[in-house]
Amino acid sequence: MKPNKLALYTGVAAIVLSAGATTLAIQASEPTQSSAPLASTGAAGPAITIYKSPNCGCCQSWAEHLDANGFETTIVETDNLNEIKQQYDVPREMASCHTALIGDLVIEGHVPADDIVAYLENPQFNTVGLSVPGMVQGSPGMETGKKEDYQVIAFSANGQQSVFREHKDY
């Protein structure tokens, strides 16, 4: 059974807004039997579990971006990313090279840490998660010297999508 989204997000937002306050632990159900448990969330930031291929360097770079921005990251290397994406209702057009979870919130692809925090502070009703579809040059973890404009998309299990944030290279 998945945890209640609203309760989970409210707890995370309280931590983000009250740094230095008492540590609050959030426990979420494990997505698969073989996955590592989520770390507890402390004053440093939300706990996030990242599912990635063992050979993906940009996924590792994105995890380092989250670490540098205060997230408590746990990496689970897997050769079954499509199974994870299906389990958490990631539409094909939202797919990227890795899938991450904060409780039952799905973070697909190279979503910037600031956008994740903004979403946790103000979650959108009936959404499953956020995505930067594909492999966008210049997004966190994809810093290759080239920059492309991109959008962070909020998506729902029924296929609805809306732009959460836009990133333009001016």
C-alpha atoms as a PDB file:
ATOM      1  CA  MET A   1       0.000   0.000   0.000  1.00  0.00           C
ATOM      2  CA  LYS A   2       1.338   3.431  -0.916  1.00  0.00           C
ATOM      3  CA  PRO A   3       1.594   6.130   1.783  1.00  0.00           C
ATOM      4  CA  ASN A   4      -0.795   9.066   1.771  1.00  0.00           C
ATOM      5  CA  LYS A   5       0.752  11.670  -0.566  1.00  0.00           C
ATOM      6  CA  LEU A   6      -0.578  14.732   1.222  1.00  0.00           C
ATOM      7  CA  ALA A   7       0.698  13.606   4.611  1.00  0.00           C
ATOM      8  CA  LEU A   8       4.097  12.765   3.137  1.00  0.00           C
ATOM      9  CA  TYR A   9       4.447  16.078   1.311  1.00  0.00           C
ATOM     10  CA  THR A  10       3.294  18.092   4.304  1.00  0.00           C
ATOM     11  CA  GLY A  11       6.019  16.455   6.410  1.00  0.00           C
ATOM     12  CA  VAL A  12       8.698  17.113   3.822  1.00  0.00           C
ATOM     13  CA  ALA A  13       7.648  20.733   3.376  1.00  0.00           C
ATOM     14  CA  ALA A  14       7.793  21.230   7.138  1.00  0.00           C
ATOM     15  CA  ILE A  15      11.369  19.972   7.175  1.00  0.00           C
ATOM     16  CA  VAL A  16      12.413  22.149   4.276  1.00  0.00           C
ATOM     17  CA  LEU A  17      10.824  25.219   5.823  1.00  0.00           C
ATOM     18  CA  SER A  18      12.093  24.615   9.350  1.00  0.00           C
ATOM     19  CA  ALA A  19      15.745  23.727   8.926  1.00  0.00           C
ATOM     20  CA  GLY A  20      17.361  23.135  12.273  1.00  0.00           C
ATOM     21  CA  ALA A  21      14.099  21.985  13.825  1.00  0.00           C
ATOM     22  CA  THR A  22      13.535  18.536  15.243  1.00  0.00           C
ATOM     23  CA  THR A  23      14.310  15.800  12.758  1.00  0.00           C
ATOM     24  CA  LEU A  24      11.242  14.143  11.298  1.00  0.00           C
ATOM     25  CA  ALA A  25      11.507  10.631   9.897  1.00  0.00           C
ATOM     26  CA  ILE A  26       9.258   9.682   7.016  1.00  0.00           C
ATOM     27  CA  GLN A  27       8.835   6.038   6.262  1.00  0.00           C
ATOM     28  CA  ALA A  28       7.553   4.949   2.874  1.00  0.00           C
ATOM     29  CA  SER A  29       6.711   1.573   1.467  1.00  0.00           C
ATOM     30  CA  GLU A  30       9.497  -0.084  -0.481  1.00  0.00           C
ATOM     31  CA  PRO A  31       8.825  -0.174  -4.237  1.00  0.00           C
ATOM     32  CA  THR A  32      10.126  -3.711  -4.769  1.00  0.00           C
ATOM     33  CA  GLN A  33      11.377  -6.536  -2.611  1.00  0.00           C
ATOM     34  CA  SER A  34      14.957  -6.115  -3.801  1.00  0.00           C
ATOM     35  CA  SER A  35      15.118  -2.350  -3.400  1.00  0.00           C
ATOM     36  CA  ALA A  36      17.010  -0.624  -0.654  1.00  0.00           C
ATOM     37  CA  PRO A  37      14.889   1.083   2.017  1.00  0.00           C
ATOM     38  CA  LEU A  38      14.430   4.824   1.878  1.00  0.00           C
ATOM     39  CA  ALA A  39      16.672   6.790   4.174  1.00  0.00           C
ATOM     40  CA  SER A  40      14.981   8.858   6.854  1.00  0.00           C
ATOM     41  CA  THR A  41      14.486  12.482   6.051  1.00  0.00           C
ATOM     42  CA  GLY A  42      16.348  14.870   8.306  1.00  0.00           C
ATOM     43  CA  ALA A  43      17.053  18.571   8.444  1.00  0.00           C
ATOM     44  CA  ALA A  44      19.366  18.124   5.450  1.00  0.00           C
ATOM     45  CA  GLY A  45      16.535  17.427   3.022  1.00  0.00           C
ATOM     46  CA  PRO A  46      14.196  14.838   1.582  1.00  0.00           C
ATOM     47  CA  ALA A  47      15.178  11.199   1.163  1.00  0.00           C
ATOM     48  CA  ILE A  48      15.149   9.997  -2.438  1.00  0.00           C
ATOM     49  CA  THR A  49      15.763   6.535  -3.875  1.00  0.00           C
ATOM     50  CA  ILE A  50      17.218   6.552  -7.385  1.00  0.00           C
ATOM     51  CA  TYR A  51      16.827   3.549  -9.687  1.00  0.00           C
ATOM     52  CA  LYS A  52      19.457   3.563 -12.415  1.00  0.00           C
ATOM     53  CA  SER A  53      21.423   1.320 -14.733  1.00  0.00           C
ATOM     54  CA  PRO A  54      24.810   0.297 -13.324  1.00  0.00           C
ATOM     55  CA  ASN A  55      26.487   1.819 -16.400  1.00  0.00           C
ATOM     56  CA  CYS A  56      24.800   5.235 -16.488  1.00  0.00           C
ATOM     57  CA  GLY A  57      27.209   8.093 -15.729  1.00  0.00           C
ATOM     58  CA  CYS A  58      24.685  10.916 -16.150  1.00  0.00           C
ATOM     59  CA  CYS A  59      22.407   9.255 -13.572  1.00  0.00           C
ATOM     60  CA  GLN A  60      25.302   9.269 -11.104  1.00  0.00           C
ATOM     61  CA  SER A  61      25.955  12.946 -11.895  1.00  0.00           C
ATOM     62  CA  TRP A  62      22.273  13.761 -11.232  1.00  0.00           C
ATOM     63  CA  ALA A  63      22.478  11.929  -7.880  1.00  0.00           C
ATOM     64  CA  GLU A  64      25.544  14.035  -7.017  1.00  0.00           C
ATOM     65  CA  HIS A  65      23.547  17.179  -7.955  1.00  0.00           C
ATOM     66  CA  LEU A  66      20.854  16.125  -5.468  1.00  0.00           C
ATOM     67  CA  ASP A  67      23.455  15.342  -2.786  1.00  0.00           C
ATOM     68  CA  ALA A  68      24.993  18.800  -3.269  1.00  0.00           C
ATOM     69  CA  ASN A  69      21.537  20.310  -2.786  1.00  0.00           C
ATOM     70  CA  GLY A  70      20.827  18.572   0.531  1.00  0.00           C
ATOM     71  CA  PHE A  71      18.922  15.452  -0.537  1.00  0.00           C
ATOM     72  CA  GLU A  72      19.554  12.141   1.225  1.00  0.00           C
ATOM     73  CA  THR A  73      20.138   9.851  -1.760  1.00  0.00           C
ATOM     74  CA  THR A  74      20.023   6.080  -1.986  1.00  0.00           C
ATOM     75  CA  ILE A  75      21.005   4.517  -5.309  1.00  0.00           C
ATOM     76  CA  VAL A  76      19.604   1.177  -6.440  1.00  0.00           C
ATOM     77  CA  GLU A  77      21.289  -0.184  -9.537  1.00  0.00           C
ATOM     78  CA  THR A  78      19.013  -2.302 -11.698  1.00  0.00           C
ATOM     79  CA  ASP A  79      18.730  -3.729 -15.172  1.00  0.00           C
ATOM     80  CA  ASN A  80      14.902  -3.588 -14.905  1.00  0.00           C
ATOM     81  CA  LEU A  81      14.149   0.135 -15.169  1.00  0.00           C
ATOM     82  CA  ASN A  82      11.124  -0.445 -17.415  1.00  0.00           C
ATOM     83  CA  GLU A  83       9.537  -2.528 -14.668  1.00  0.00           C
ATOM     84  CA  ILE A  84      10.045   0.308 -12.158  1.00  0.00           C
ATOM     85  CA  LYS A  85       8.580   2.843 -14.615  1.00  0.00           C
ATOM     86  CA  GLN A  86       5.512   0.642 -15.195  1.00  0.00           C
ATOM     87  CA  GLN A  87       5.025   0.042 -11.490  1.00  0.00           C
ATOM     88  CA  TYR A  88       4.917   3.792 -10.812  1.00  0.00           C
ATOM     89  CA  ASP A  89       2.808   4.834 -13.839  1.00  0.00           C
ATOM     90  CA  VAL A  90       5.498   6.698 -15.775  1.00  0.00           C
ATOM     91  CA  PRO A  91       4.060   7.332 -19.278  1.00  0.00           C
ATOM     92  CA  ARG A  92       6.406   6.421 -22.142  1.00  0.00           C
ATOM     93  CA  GLU A  93       6.598  10.031 -23.339  1.00  0.00           C
ATOM     94  CA  MET A  94       7.818  11.090 -19.870  1.00  0.00           C
ATOM     95  CA  ALA A  95      10.579   8.451 -19.680  1.00  0.00           C
ATOM     96  CA  SER A  96      14.257   9.161 -19.170  1.00  0.00           C
ATOM     97  CA  CYS A  97      17.311   7.171 -18.106  1.00  0.00           C
ATOM     98  CA  HIS A  98      16.494   6.888 -14.387  1.00  0.00           C
ATOM     99  CA  THR A  99      13.489   6.859 -12.069  1.00  0.00           C
ATOM    100  CA  ALA A 100      13.554   8.127  -8.509  1.00  0.00           C
ATOM    101  CA  LEU A 101      11.071   8.057  -5.638  1.00  0.00           C
ATOM    102  CA  ILE A 102      10.367  10.304  -2.678  1.00  0.00           C
ATOM    103  CA  GLY A 103       7.758   8.165  -0.957  1.00  0.00           C
ATOM    104  CA  ASP A 104       5.321   7.565  -3.816  1.00  0.00           C
ATOM    105  CA  LEU A 105       6.246  10.743  -5.710  1.00  0.00           C
ATOM    106  CA  VAL A 106       8.018   9.818  -8.945  1.00  0.00           C
ATOM    107  CA  ILE A 107      10.915  11.930 -10.208  1.00  0.00           C
ATOM    108  CA  GLU A 108      11.739  10.864 -13.770  1.00  0.00           C
ATOM    109  CA  GLY A 109      14.920  12.035 -15.430  1.00  0.00           C
ATOM    110  CA  HIS A 110      17.095  15.070 -14.827  1.00  0.00           C
ATOM    111  CA  VAL A 111      14.728  17.234 -12.749  1.00  0.00           C
ATOM    112  CA  PRO A 112      16.591  20.074 -10.965  1.00  0.00           C
ATOM    113  CA  ALA A 113      16.736  19.845  -7.168  1.00  0.00           C
ATOM    114  CA  ASP A 114      15.127  23.298  -6.774  1.00  0.00           C
ATOM    115  CA  ASP A 115      12.130  22.168  -8.829  1.00  0.00           C
ATOM    116  CA  ILE A 116      11.689  19.066  -6.672  1.00  0.00           C
ATOM    117  CA  VAL A 117      11.766  21.159  -3.499  1.00  0.00           C
ATOM    118  CA  ALA A 118       9.263  23.653  -4.983  1.00  0.00           C
ATOM    119  CA  TYR A 119       6.947  20.788  -5.897  1.00  0.00           C
ATOM    120  CA  LEU A 120       7.207  19.246  -2.415  1.00  0.00           C
ATOM    121  CA  GLU A 121       6.270  22.617  -0.911  1.00  0.00           C
ATOM    122  CA  ASN A 122       3.272  22.958  -3.250  1.00  0.00           C
ATOM    123  CA  PRO A 123       2.238  19.576  -4.719  1.00  0.00           C
ATOM    124  CA  GLN A 124      -0.219  19.554  -7.599  1.00  0.00           C
ATOM    125  CA  PHE A 125      -3.462  17.667  -7.079  1.00  0.00           C
ATOM    126  CA  ASN A 126      -3.717  14.235  -8.760  1.00  0.00           C
ATOM    127  CA  THR A 127      -0.165  14.115 -10.062  1.00  0.00           C
ATOM    128  CA  VAL A 128       2.136  11.116  -9.824  1.00  0.00           C
ATOM    129  CA  GLY A 129       5.360  13.013 -10.295  1.00  0.00           C
ATOM    130  CA  LEU A 130       7.715  15.246 -12.231  1.00  0.00           C
ATOM    131  CA  SER A 131       9.706  14.520 -15.366  1.00  0.00           C
ATOM    132  CA  VAL A 132      12.305  15.974 -17.654  1.00  0.00           C
ATOM    133  CA  PRO A 133      11.669  13.598 -20.557  1.00  0.00           C
ATOM    134  CA  GLY A 134      14.614  12.310 -22.544  1.00  0.00           C
ATOM    135  CA  MET A 135      18.191  13.382 -22.042  1.00  0.00           C
ATOM    136  CA  VAL A 136      18.250  17.190 -22.215  1.00  0.00           C
ATOM    137  CA  GLN A 137      21.679  18.815 -22.613  1.00  0.00           C
ATOM    138  CA  GLY A 138      22.338  21.317 -19.819  1.00  0.00           C
ATOM    139  CA  SER A 139      19.917  19.775 -17.302  1.00  0.00           C
ATOM    140  CA  PRO A 140      21.454  18.604 -13.993  1.00  0.00           C
ATOM    141  CA  GLY A 141      23.698  15.617 -14.689  1.00  0.00           C
ATOM    142  CA  MET A 142      23.781  16.412 -18.415  1.00  0.00           C
ATOM    143  CA  GLU A 143      26.240  19.321 -18.278  1.00  0.00           C
ATOM    144  CA  THR A 144      28.119  18.762 -21.515  1.00  0.00           C
ATOM    145  CA  GLY A 145      28.807  22.380 -22.450  1.00  0.00           C
ATOM    146  CA  LYS A 146      25.740  22.529 -24.659  1.00  0.00           C
ATOM    147  CA  LYS A 147      22.464  23.850 -23.217  1.00  0.00           C
ATOM    148  CA  GLU A 148      18.948  23.254 -24.456  1.00  0.00           C
ATOM    149  CA  ASP A 149      15.682  24.781 -23.293  1.00  0.00           C
ATOM    150  CA  TYR A 150      13.539  22.280 -21.408  1.00  0.00           C
ATOM    151  CA  GLN A 151      10.420  21.879 -19.327  1.00  0.00           C
ATOM    152  CA  VAL A 152       9.761  20.047 -16.098  1.00  0.00           C
ATOM    153  CA  ILE A 153       6.437  18.291 -16.564  1.00  0.00           C
ATOM    154  CA  ALA A 154       4.007  17.254 -13.805  1.00  0.00           C
ATOM    155  CA  PHE A 155       2.179  14.091 -14.866  1.00  0.00           C
ATOM    156  CA  SER A 156      -0.696  11.975 -13.593  1.00  0.00           C
ATOM    157  CA  ALA A 157      -1.463   8.270 -13.816  1.00  0.00           C
ATOM    158  CA  ASN A 158      -4.265   8.945 -16.331  1.00  0.00           C
ATOM    159  CA  GLY A 159      -1.837  10.585 -18.774  1.00  0.00           C
ATOM    160  CA  GLN A 160      -2.572  14.232 -18.048  1.00  0.00           C
ATOM    161  CA  GLN A 161       0.465  16.509 -18.164  1.00  0.00           C
ATOM    162  CA  SER A 162       1.156  20.120 -17.278  1.00  0.00           C
ATOM    163  CA  VAL A 163       4.265  22.288 -17.343  1.00  0.00           C
ATOM    164  CA  PHE A 164       5.556  22.742 -13.809  1.00  0.00           C
ATOM    165  CA  ARG A 165       8.619  24.858 -14.691  1.00  0.00           C
ATOM    166  CA  GLU A 166      10.477  26.017 -17.793  1.00  0.00           C
ATOM    167  CA  HIS A 167      14.243  26.350 -18.115  1.00  0.00           C
ATOM    168  CA  LYS A 168      15.504  28.524 -20.944  1.00  0.00           C
ATOM    169  CA  ASP A 169      19.075  29.160 -21.985  1.00  0.00           C
ATOM    170  CA  TYR A 170      19.121  32.921 -22.616  1.00  0.00           C
END
